[in-house]
Amino acid sequence: MKGLSLSGLGQRDEAIKCYEEAIRINPRNALAWKGKGSALGLLGKDDEAIKDFDKTIEINKNDGEAWYGKGIGLQKLHRDSEAESAFTKAKELGCKF
């Protein structure tokens, strides 16, 4: 939750450190992976963000927000076909965007 709060305050680098510590403690913490992916995406580190959203999806394939975040990263990288697939999956899972 500290990572989420810091990210909300615009302190994304500090947020990423918190998410990494949470992941170190529990590598299957999907919320931490997703939070880290979101913070990385906001920093323009889209390749890294996509990897973290993929890790979230590996842990919980039904996380619509992770699919959406992945889609945003892919779209920013002009990987439009892959982005559309990710957005479709997010929508199927009930993610509102």
PDB file of N, CA and C in Angstrom:
ATOM      1  N   MET A   1       0.822  -1.188   0.000  1.00  0.00           N
ATOM      2  CA  MET A   1       0.000   0.000   0.000  1.00  0.00           C
ATOM      3  C   MET A   1       0.871   1.259   0.000  1.00  0.00           C
ATOM      4  N   LYS A   2       2.050   1.163   0.591  1.00  0.00           N
ATOM      5  CA  LYS A   2       2.948   2.316   0.590  1.00  0.00           C
ATOM      6  C   LYS A   2       3.333   2.676  -0.846  1.00  0.00           C
ATOM      7  N   GLY A   3       3.609   1.670  -1.660  1.00  0.00           N
ATOM      8  CA  GLY A   3       3.944   1.908  -3.062  1.00  0.00           C
ATOM      9  C   GLY A   3       2.813   2.616  -3.783  1.00  0.00           C
ATOM     10  N   LEU A   4       1.596   2.191  -3.540  1.00  0.00           N
ATOM     11  CA  LEU A   4       0.431   2.810  -4.165  1.00  0.00           C
ATOM     12  C   LEU A   4       0.308   4.272  -3.741  1.00  0.00           C
ATOM     13  N   SER A   5       0.493   4.528  -2.464  1.00  0.00           N
ATOM     14  CA  SER A   5       0.416   5.901  -1.952  1.00  0.00           C
ATOM     15  C   SER A   5       1.498   6.782  -2.565  1.00  0.00           C
ATOM     16  N   LEU A   6       2.724   6.272  -2.598  1.00  0.00           N
ATOM     17  CA  LEU A   6       3.819   7.049  -3.173  1.00  0.00           C
ATOM     18  C   LEU A   6       3.594   7.318  -4.658  1.00  0.00           C
ATOM     19  N   SER A   7       3.098   6.342  -5.368  1.00  0.00           N
ATOM     20  CA  SER A   7       2.822   6.536  -6.786  1.00  0.00           C
ATOM     21  C   SER A   7       1.761   7.605  -6.975  1.00  0.00           C
ATOM     22  N   GLY A   8       0.740   7.572  -6.123  1.00  0.00           N
ATOM     23  CA  GLY A   8      -0.309   8.577  -6.183  1.00  0.00           C
ATOM     24  C   GLY A   8       0.197   9.986  -5.913  1.00  0.00           C
ATOM     25  N   LEU A   9       1.275  10.073  -5.162  1.00  0.00           N
ATOM     26  CA  LEU A   9       1.895  11.373  -4.877  1.00  0.00           C
ATOM     27  C   LEU A   9       2.908  11.775  -5.940  1.00  0.00           C
ATOM     28  N   GLY A  10       3.043  10.933  -6.959  1.00  0.00           N
ATOM     29  CA  GLY A  10       3.978  11.235  -8.040  1.00  0.00           C
ATOM     30  C   GLY A  10       5.405  10.791  -7.761  1.00  0.00           C
ATOM     31  N   GLN A  11       5.616  10.085  -6.666  1.00  0.00           N
ATOM     32  CA  GLN A  11       6.952   9.611  -6.288  1.00  0.00           C
ATOM     33  C   GLN A  11       7.142   8.184  -6.803  1.00  0.00           C
ATOM     34  N   ARG A  12       7.186   8.075  -8.109  1.00  0.00           N
ATOM     35  CA  ARG A  12       7.159   6.762  -8.749  1.00  0.00           C
ATOM     36  C   ARG A  12       8.415   5.932  -8.502  1.00  0.00           C
ATOM     37  N   ASP A  13       9.579   6.572  -8.483  1.00  0.00           N
ATOM     38  CA  ASP A  13      10.813   5.814  -8.221  1.00  0.00           C
ATOM     39  C   ASP A  13      10.780   5.202  -6.821  1.00  0.00           C
ATOM     40  N   GLU A  14      10.300   5.958  -5.848  1.00  0.00           N
ATOM     41  CA  GLU A  14      10.190   5.439  -4.482  1.00  0.00           C
ATOM     42  C   GLU A  14       9.122   4.345  -4.416  1.00  0.00           C
ATOM     43  N   ALA A  15       8.047   4.536  -5.155  1.00  0.00           N
ATOM     44  CA  ALA A  15       6.992   3.523  -5.199  1.00  0.00           C
ATOM     45  C   ALA A  15       7.540   2.209  -5.735  1.00  0.00           C
ATOM     46  N   ILE A  16       8.330   2.295  -6.802  1.00  0.00           N
ATOM     47  CA  ILE A  16       8.907   1.089  -7.400  1.00  0.00           C
ATOM     48  C   ILE A  16       9.768   0.348  -6.388  1.00  0.00           C
ATOM     49  N   LYS A  17      10.522   1.071  -5.590  1.00  0.00           N
ATOM     50  CA  LYS A  17      11.342   0.426  -4.547  1.00  0.00           C
ATOM     51  C   LYS A  17      10.461  -0.324  -3.558  1.00  0.00           C
ATOM     52  N   CYS A  18       9.327   0.266  -3.187  1.00  0.00           N
ATOM     53  CA  CYS A  18       8.408  -0.412  -2.264  1.00  0.00           C
ATOM     54  C   CYS A  18       7.819  -1.664  -2.891  1.00  0.00           C
ATOM     55  N   TYR A  19       7.416  -1.552  -4.144  1.00  0.00           N
ATOM     56  CA  TYR A  19       6.875  -2.728  -4.837  1.00  0.00           C
ATOM     57  C   TYR A  19       7.934  -3.827  -4.942  1.00  0.00           C
ATOM     58  N   GLU A  20       9.166  -3.442  -5.229  1.00  0.00           N
ATOM     59  CA  GLU A  20      10.239  -4.445  -5.333  1.00  0.00           C
ATOM     60  C   GLU A  20      10.473  -5.141  -3.998  1.00  0.00           C
ATOM     61  N   GLU A  21      10.354  -4.406  -2.899  1.00  0.00           N
ATOM     62  CA  GLU A  21      10.515  -5.027  -1.578  1.00  0.00           C
ATOM     63  C   GLU A  21       9.362  -5.995  -1.309  1.00  0.00           C
ATOM     64  N   ALA A  22       8.151  -5.600  -1.670  1.00  0.00           N
ATOM     65  CA  ALA A  22       7.004  -6.495  -1.495  1.00  0.00           C
ATOM     66  C   ALA A  22       7.176  -7.762  -2.331  1.00  0.00           C
ATOM     67  N   ILE A  23       7.696  -7.610  -3.536  1.00  0.00           N
ATOM     68  CA  ILE A  23       7.931  -8.754  -4.415  1.00  0.00           C
ATOM     69  C   ILE A  23       9.043  -9.643  -3.858  1.00  0.00           C
ATOM     70  N   ARG A  24      10.061  -9.023  -3.269  1.00  0.00           N
ATOM     71  CA  ARG A  24      11.146  -9.800  -2.657  1.00  0.00           C
ATOM     72  C   ARG A  24      10.595 -10.673  -1.532  1.00  0.00           C
ATOM     73  N   ILE A  25       9.698 -10.095  -0.742  1.00  0.00           N
ATOM     74  CA  ILE A  25       9.097 -10.820   0.379  1.00  0.00           C
ATOM     75  C   ILE A  25       8.176 -11.929  -0.126  1.00  0.00           C
ATOM     76  N   ASN A  26       7.377 -11.613  -1.159  1.00  0.00           N
ATOM     77  CA  ASN A  26       6.445 -12.592  -1.724  1.00  0.00           C
ATOM     78  C   ASN A  26       6.420 -12.448  -3.247  1.00  0.00           C
ATOM     79  N   PRO A  27       7.204 -13.264  -3.934  1.00  0.00           N
ATOM     80  CA  PRO A  27       7.274 -13.165  -5.397  1.00  0.00           C
ATOM     81  C   PRO A  27       5.955 -13.420  -6.119  1.00  0.00           C
ATOM     82  N   ARG A  28       4.942 -13.945  -5.433  1.00  0.00           N
ATOM     83  CA  ARG A  28       3.641 -14.200  -6.050  1.00  0.00           C
ATOM     84  C   ARG A  28       2.621 -13.125  -5.681  1.00  0.00           C
ATOM     85  N   ASN A  29       3.107 -11.964  -5.263  1.00  0.00           N
ATOM     86  CA  ASN A  29       2.241 -10.840  -4.905  1.00  0.00           C
ATOM     87  C   ASN A  29       1.823 -10.112  -6.176  1.00  0.00           C
ATOM     88  N   ALA A  30       0.690 -10.529  -6.735  1.00  0.00           N
ATOM     89  CA  ALA A  30       0.233  -9.963  -8.006  1.00  0.00           C
ATOM     90  C   ALA A  30      -0.030  -8.466  -7.912  1.00  0.00           C
ATOM     91  N   LEU A  31      -0.532  -8.005  -6.776  1.00  0.00           N
ATOM     92  CA  LEU A  31      -0.806  -6.582  -6.603  1.00  0.00           C
ATOM     93  C   LEU A  31       0.476  -5.757  -6.691  1.00  0.00           C
ATOM     94  N   ALA A  32       1.554  -6.265  -6.119  1.00  0.00           N
ATOM     95  CA  ALA A  32       2.838  -5.553  -6.181  1.00  0.00           C
ATOM     96  C   ALA A  32       3.382  -5.526  -7.600  1.00  0.00           C
ATOM     97  N   TRP A  33       3.286  -6.649  -8.308  1.00  0.00           N
ATOM     98  CA  TRP A  33       3.741  -6.680  -9.701  1.00  0.00           C
ATOM     99  C   TRP A  33       2.950  -5.682 -10.541  1.00  0.00           C
ATOM    100  N   LYS A  34       1.612  -5.653 -10.338  1.00  0.00           N
ATOM    101  CA  LYS A  34       0.765  -4.748 -11.106  1.00  0.00           C
ATOM    102  C   LYS A  34       1.068  -3.293 -10.758  1.00  0.00           C
ATOM    103  N   GLY A  35       1.263  -2.999  -9.481  1.00  0.00           N
ATOM    104  CA  GLY A  35       1.598  -1.636  -9.073  1.00  0.00           C
ATOM    105  C   GLY A  35       2.918  -1.174  -9.649  1.00  0.00           C
ATOM    106  N   LYS A  36       3.891  -2.071  -9.620  1.00  0.00           N
ATOM    107  CA  LYS A  36       5.197  -1.742 -10.194  1.00  0.00           C
ATOM    108  C   LYS A  36       5.069  -1.495 -11.696  1.00  0.00           C
ATOM    109  N   GLY A  37       4.304  -2.329 -12.379  1.00  0.00           N
ATOM    110  CA  GLY A  37       4.078  -2.139 -13.812  1.00  0.00           C
ATOM    111  C   GLY A  37       3.432  -0.796 -14.102  1.00  0.00           C
ATOM    112  N   SER A  38       2.453  -0.430 -13.302  1.00  0.00           N
ATOM    113  CA  SER A  38       1.784   0.861 -13.489  1.00  0.00           C
ATOM    114  C   SER A  38       2.744   2.024 -13.294  1.00  0.00           C
ATOM    115  N   ALA A  39       3.552   1.956 -12.233  1.00  0.00           N
ATOM    116  CA  ALA A  39       4.514   3.028 -11.966  1.00  0.00           C
ATOM    117  C   ALA A  39       5.544   3.130 -13.091  1.00  0.00           C
ATOM    118  N   LEU A  40       6.018   1.990 -13.560  1.00  0.00           N
ATOM    119  CA  LEU A  40       6.980   1.993 -14.672  1.00  0.00           C
ATOM    120  C   LEU A  40       6.356   2.593 -15.928  1.00  0.00           C
ATOM    121  N   GLY A  41       5.107   2.252 -16.187  1.00  0.00           N
ATOM    122  CA  GLY A  41       4.419   2.800 -17.346  1.00  0.00           C
ATOM    123  C   GLY A  41       4.302   4.315 -17.263  1.00  0.00           C
ATOM    124  N   LEU A  42       4.012   4.816 -16.076  1.00  0.00           N
ATOM    125  CA  LEU A  42       3.904   6.268 -15.893  1.00  0.00           C
ATOM    126  C   LEU A  42       5.250   6.968 -16.058  1.00  0.00           C
ATOM    127  N   LEU A  43       6.323   6.209 -15.876  1.00  0.00           N
ATOM    128  CA  LEU A  43       7.666   6.752 -16.100  1.00  0.00           C
ATOM    129  C   LEU A  43       8.118   6.579 -17.550  1.00  0.00           C
ATOM    130  N   GLY A  44       7.264   6.001 -18.387  1.00  0.00           N
ATOM    131  CA  GLY A  44       7.607   5.797 -19.791  1.00  0.00           C
ATOM    132  C   GLY A  44       8.479   4.586 -20.040  1.00  0.00           C
ATOM    133  N   LYS A  45       8.595   3.713 -19.061  1.00  0.00           N
ATOM    134  CA  LYS A  45       9.397   2.493 -19.190  1.00  0.00           C
ATOM    135  C   LYS A  45       8.473   1.342 -19.581  1.00  0.00           C
ATOM    136  N   ASP A  46       7.947   1.455 -20.797  1.00  0.00           N
ATOM    137  CA  ASP A  46       6.876   0.560 -21.225  1.00  0.00           C
ATOM    138  C   ASP A  46       7.298  -0.891 -21.381  1.00  0.00           C
ATOM    139  N   ASP A  47       8.499  -1.148 -21.876  1.00  0.00           N
ATOM    140  CA  ASP A  47       8.957  -2.538 -22.001  1.00  0.00           C
ATOM    141  C   ASP A  47       9.006  -3.214 -20.640  1.00  0.00           C
ATOM    142  N   GLU A  48       9.535  -2.514 -19.645  1.00  0.00           N
ATOM    143  CA  GLU A  48       9.608  -3.067 -18.289  1.00  0.00           C
ATOM    144  C   GLU A  48       8.217  -3.237 -17.703  1.00  0.00           C
ATOM    145  N   ALA A  49       7.343  -2.261 -17.945  1.00  0.00           N
ATOM    146  CA  ALA A  49       5.978  -2.324 -17.427  1.00  0.00           C
ATOM    147  C   ALA A  49       5.256  -3.554 -17.967  1.00  0.00           C
ATOM    148  N   ILE A  50       5.390  -3.794 -19.255  1.00  0.00           N
ATOM    149  CA  ILE A  50       4.730  -4.948 -19.874  1.00  0.00           C
ATOM    150  C   ILE A  50       5.198  -6.244 -19.214  1.00  0.00           C
ATOM    151  N   LYS A  51       6.475  -6.354 -18.924  1.00  0.00           N
ATOM    152  CA  LYS A  51       6.995  -7.565 -18.261  1.00  0.00           C
ATOM    153  C   LYS A  51       6.348  -7.756 -16.896  1.00  0.00           C
ATOM    154  N   ASP A  52       6.153  -6.646 -16.169  1.00  0.00           N
ATOM    155  CA  ASP A  52       5.535  -6.763 -14.852  1.00  0.00           C
ATOM    156  C   ASP A  52       4.044  -7.087 -14.955  1.00  0.00           C
ATOM    157  N   PHE A  53       3.368  -6.528 -15.953  1.00  0.00           N
ATOM    158  CA  PHE A  53       1.968  -6.912 -16.169  1.00  0.00           C
ATOM    159  C   PHE A  53       1.879  -8.376 -16.580  1.00  0.00           C
ATOM    160  N   ASP A  54       2.836  -8.853 -17.381  1.00  0.00           N
ATOM    161  CA  ASP A  54       2.862 -10.273 -17.738  1.00  0.00           C
ATOM    162  C   ASP A  54       3.036 -11.148 -16.498  1.00  0.00           C
ATOM    163  N   LYS A  55       3.869 -10.710 -15.569  1.00  0.00           N
ATOM    164  CA  LYS A  55       4.066 -11.471 -14.332  1.00  0.00           C
ATOM    165  C   LYS A  55       2.775 -11.486 -13.516  1.00  0.00           C
ATOM    166  N   THR A  56       2.085 -10.342 -13.478  1.00  0.00           N
ATOM    167  CA  THR A  56       0.795 -10.283 -12.792  1.00  0.00           C
ATOM    168  C   THR A  56      -0.172 -11.290 -13.411  1.00  0.00           C
ATOM    169  N   ILE A  57      -0.226 -11.300 -14.739  1.00  0.00           N
ATOM    170  CA  ILE A  57      -1.135 -12.190 -15.464  1.00  0.00           C
ATOM    171  C   ILE A  57      -0.739 -13.652 -15.262  1.00  0.00           C
ATOM    172  N   GLU A  58       0.546 -13.919 -15.161  1.00  0.00           N
ATOM    173  CA  GLU A  58       1.011 -15.286 -14.879  1.00  0.00           C
ATOM    174  C   GLU A  58       0.459 -15.754 -13.530  1.00  0.00           C
ATOM    175  N   ILE A  59       0.416 -14.849 -12.570  1.00  0.00           N
ATOM    176  CA  ILE A  59      -0.087 -15.180 -11.234  1.00  0.00           C
ATOM    177  C   ILE A  59      -1.609 -15.233 -11.217  1.00  0.00           C
ATOM    178  N   ASN A  60      -2.240 -14.292 -11.914  1.00  0.00           N
ATOM    179  CA  ASN A  60      -3.702 -14.209 -11.950  1.00  0.00           C
ATOM    180  C   ASN A  60      -4.150 -13.835 -13.358  1.00  0.00           C
ATOM    181  N   LYS A  61      -4.423 -14.840 -14.153  1.00  0.00           N
ATOM    182  CA  LYS A  61      -4.777 -14.617 -15.559  1.00  0.00           C
ATOM    183  C   LYS A  61      -6.091 -13.861 -15.720  1.00  0.00           C
ATOM    184  N   ASN A  62      -6.871 -13.737 -14.651  1.00  0.00           N
ATOM    185  CA  ASN A  62      -8.162 -13.056 -14.705  1.00  0.00           C
ATOM    186  C   ASN A  62      -8.109 -11.616 -14.201  1.00  0.00           C
ATOM    187  N   ASP A  63      -6.917 -11.043 -14.123  1.00  0.00           N
ATOM    188  CA  ASP A  63      -6.774  -9.661 -13.665  1.00  0.00           C
ATOM    189  C   ASP A  63      -6.952  -8.720 -14.855  1.00  0.00           C
ATOM    190  N   GLY A  64      -8.162  -8.223 -15.021  1.00  0.00           N
ATOM    191  CA  GLY A  64      -8.473  -7.347 -16.143  1.00  0.00           C
ATOM    192  C   GLY A  64      -7.646  -6.074 -16.162  1.00  0.00           C
ATOM    193  N   GLU A  65      -7.343  -5.528 -14.989  1.00  0.00           N
ATOM    194  CA  GLU A  65      -6.536  -4.306 -14.930  1.00  0.00           C
ATOM    195  C   GLU A  65      -5.124  -4.548 -15.450  1.00  0.00           C
ATOM    196  N   ALA A  66      -4.573  -5.726 -15.178  1.00  0.00           N
ATOM    197  CA  ALA A  66      -3.233  -6.052 -15.684  1.00  0.00           C
ATOM    198  C   ALA A  66      -3.264  -6.177 -17.207  1.00  0.00           C
ATOM    199  N   TRP A  67      -4.307  -6.803 -17.724  1.00  0.00           N
ATOM    200  CA  TRP A  67      -4.446  -6.901 -19.179  1.00  0.00           C
ATOM    201  C   TRP A  67      -4.567  -5.510 -19.801  1.00  0.00           C
ATOM    202  N   TYR A  68      -5.327  -4.636 -19.140  1.00  0.00           N
ATOM    203  CA  TYR A  68      -5.483  -3.268 -19.641  1.00  0.00           C
ATOM    204  C   TYR A  68      -4.148  -2.518 -19.604  1.00  0.00           C
ATOM    205  N   GLY A  69      -3.429  -2.629 -18.477  1.00  0.00           N
ATOM    206  CA  GLY A  69      -2.120  -1.978 -18.364  1.00  0.00           C
ATOM    207  C   GLY A  69      -1.155  -2.468 -19.423  1.00  0.00           C
ATOM    208  N   LYS A  70      -1.181  -3.765 -19.669  1.00  0.00           N
ATOM    209  CA  LYS A  70      -0.344  -4.332 -20.727  1.00  0.00           C
ATOM    210  C   LYS A  70      -0.729  -3.735 -22.071  1.00  0.00           C
ATOM    211  N   GLY A  71      -2.029  -3.611 -22.316  1.00  0.00           N
ATOM    212  CA  GLY A  71      -2.501  -3.024 -23.565  1.00  0.00           C
ATOM    213  C   GLY A  71      -2.016  -1.594 -23.750  1.00  0.00           C
ATOM    214  N   ILE A  72      -2.049  -0.810 -22.695  1.00  0.00           N
ATOM    215  CA  ILE A  72      -1.569   0.574 -22.760  1.00  0.00           C
ATOM    216  C   ILE A  72      -0.089   0.595 -23.137  1.00  0.00           C
ATOM    217  N   GLY A  73       0.708  -0.235 -22.473  1.00  0.00           N
ATOM    218  CA  GLY A  73       2.137  -0.297 -22.781  1.00  0.00           C
ATOM    219  C   GLY A  73       2.397  -0.699 -24.215  1.00  0.00           C
ATOM    220  N   LEU A  74       1.676  -1.710 -24.671  1.00  0.00           N
ATOM    221  CA  LEU A  74       1.837  -2.173 -26.053  1.00  0.00           C
ATOM    222  C   LEU A  74       1.422  -1.089 -27.046  1.00  0.00           C
ATOM    223  N   GLN A  75       0.351  -0.396 -26.726  1.00  0.00           N
ATOM    224  CA  GLN A  75      -0.117   0.678 -27.602  1.00  0.00           C
ATOM    225  C   GLN A  75       0.926   1.798 -27.696  1.00  0.00           C
ATOM    226  N   LYS A  76       1.528   2.147 -26.563  1.00  0.00           N
ATOM    227  CA  LYS A  76       2.549   3.198 -26.563  1.00  0.00           C
ATOM    228  C   LYS A  76       3.774   2.792 -27.381  1.00  0.00           C
ATOM    229  N   LEU A  77       3.995   1.483 -27.497  1.00  0.00           N
ATOM    230  CA  LEU A  77       5.113   0.976 -28.291  1.00  0.00           C
ATOM    231  C   LEU A  77       4.695   0.692 -29.742  1.00  0.00           C
ATOM    232  N   HIS A  78       3.496   1.094 -30.091  1.00  0.00           N
ATOM    233  CA  HIS A  78       2.956   0.914 -31.453  1.00  0.00           C
ATOM    234  C   HIS A  78       2.837  -0.555 -31.849  1.00  0.00           C
ATOM    235  N   ARG A  79       2.582  -1.386 -30.856  1.00  0.00           N
ATOM    236  CA  ARG A  79       2.335  -2.800 -31.105  1.00  0.00           C
ATOM    237  C   ARG A  79       0.817  -3.003 -31.057  1.00  0.00           C
ATOM    238  N   ASP A  80       0.162  -2.398 -32.046  1.00  0.00           N
ATOM    239  CA  ASP A  80      -1.284  -2.222 -32.005  1.00  0.00           C
ATOM    240  C   ASP A  80      -2.081  -3.517 -31.998  1.00  0.00           C
ATOM    241  N   SER A  81      -1.665  -4.506 -32.761  1.00  0.00           N
ATOM    242  CA  SER A  81      -2.395  -5.766 -32.805  1.00  0.00           C
ATOM    243  C   SER A  81      -2.361  -6.452 -31.432  1.00  0.00           C
ATOM    244  N   GLU A  82      -1.184  -6.471 -30.825  1.00  0.00           N
ATOM    245  CA  GLU A  82      -1.054  -7.067 -29.487  1.00  0.00           C
ATOM    246  C   GLU A  82      -1.845  -6.266 -28.461  1.00  0.00           C
ATOM    247  N   ALA A  83      -1.813  -4.949 -28.604  1.00  0.00           N
ATOM    248  CA  ALA A  83      -2.557  -4.083 -27.683  1.00  0.00           C
ATOM    249  C   ALA A  83      -4.044  -4.365 -27.769  1.00  0.00           C
ATOM    250  N   GLU A  84      -4.547  -4.486 -28.979  1.00  0.00           N
ATOM    251  CA  GLU A  84      -5.976  -4.754 -29.175  1.00  0.00           C
ATOM    252  C   GLU A  84      -6.370  -6.078 -28.521  1.00  0.00           C
ATOM    253  N   SER A  85      -5.518  -7.091 -28.636  1.00  0.00           N
ATOM    254  CA  SER A  85      -5.796  -8.384 -27.994  1.00  0.00           C
ATOM    255  C   SER A  85      -5.852  -8.239 -26.480  1.00  0.00           C
ATOM    256  N   ALA A  86      -4.916  -7.469 -25.920  1.00  0.00           N
ATOM    257  CA  ALA A  86      -4.892  -7.259 -24.469  1.00  0.00           C
ATOM    258  C   ALA A  86      -6.140  -6.491 -24.020  1.00  0.00           C
ATOM    259  N   PHE A  87      -6.538  -5.466 -24.780  1.00  0.00           N
ATOM    260  CA  PHE A  87      -7.736  -4.708 -24.439  1.00  0.00           C
ATOM    261  C   PHE A  87      -8.991  -5.573 -24.520  1.00  0.00           C
ATOM    262  N   THR A  88      -9.039  -6.439 -25.522  1.00  0.00           N
ATOM    263  CA  THR A  88     -10.171  -7.353 -25.671  1.00  0.00           C
ATOM    264  C   THR A  88     -10.275  -8.268 -24.461  1.00  0.00           C
ATOM    265  N   LYS A  89      -9.143  -8.806 -24.028  1.00  0.00           N
ATOM    266  CA  LYS A  89      -9.127  -9.694 -22.853  1.00  0.00           C
ATOM    267  C   LYS A  89      -9.560  -8.927 -21.608  1.00  0.00           C
ATOM    268  N   ALA A  90      -9.055  -7.702 -21.452  1.00  0.00           N
ATOM    269  CA  ALA A  90      -9.440  -6.876 -20.296  1.00  0.00           C
ATOM    270  C   ALA A  90     -10.951  -6.661 -20.279  1.00  0.00           C
ATOM    271  N   LYS A  91     -11.511  -6.365 -21.426  1.00  0.00           N
ATOM    272  CA  LYS A  91     -12.954  -6.133 -21.522  1.00  0.00           C
ATOM    273  C   LYS A  91     -13.732  -7.400 -21.210  1.00  0.00           C
ATOM    274  N   GLU A  92     -13.268  -8.543 -21.715  1.00  0.00           N
ATOM    275  CA  GLU A  92     -13.921  -9.830 -21.418  1.00  0.00           C
ATOM    276  C   GLU A  92     -13.952 -10.098 -19.923  1.00  0.00           C
ATOM    277  N   LEU A  93     -12.928  -9.621 -19.223  1.00  0.00           N
ATOM    278  CA  LEU A  93     -12.823  -9.848 -17.783  1.00  0.00           C
ATOM    279  C   LEU A  93     -13.569  -8.790 -16.967  1.00  0.00           C
ATOM    280  N   GLY A  94     -14.231  -7.865 -17.667  1.00  0.00           N
ATOM    281  CA  GLY A  94     -15.051  -6.880 -16.972  1.00  0.00           C
ATOM    282  C   GLY A  94     -14.333  -5.597 -16.603  1.00  0.00           C
ATOM    283  N   CYS A  95     -13.134  -5.408 -17.108  1.00  0.00           N
ATOM    284  CA  CYS A  95     -12.397  -4.176 -16.826  1.00  0.00           C
ATOM    285  C   CYS A  95     -13.075  -3.020 -17.546  1.00  0.00           C
ATOM    286  N   LYS A  96     -13.396  -1.975 -16.794  1.00  0.00           N
ATOM    287  CA  LYS A  96     -14.037  -0.787 -17.370  1.00  0.00           C
ATOM    288  C   LYS A  96     -12.959   0.215 -17.751  1.00  0.00           C
ATOM    289  N   PHE A  97     -12.929   0.608 -19.009  1.00  0.00           N
ATOM    290  CA  PHE A  97     -11.983   1.619 -19.465  1.00  0.00           C
ATOM    291  C   PHE A  97     -12.581   2.438 -20.558  1.00  0.00           C
TER     292      PHE A  97
END
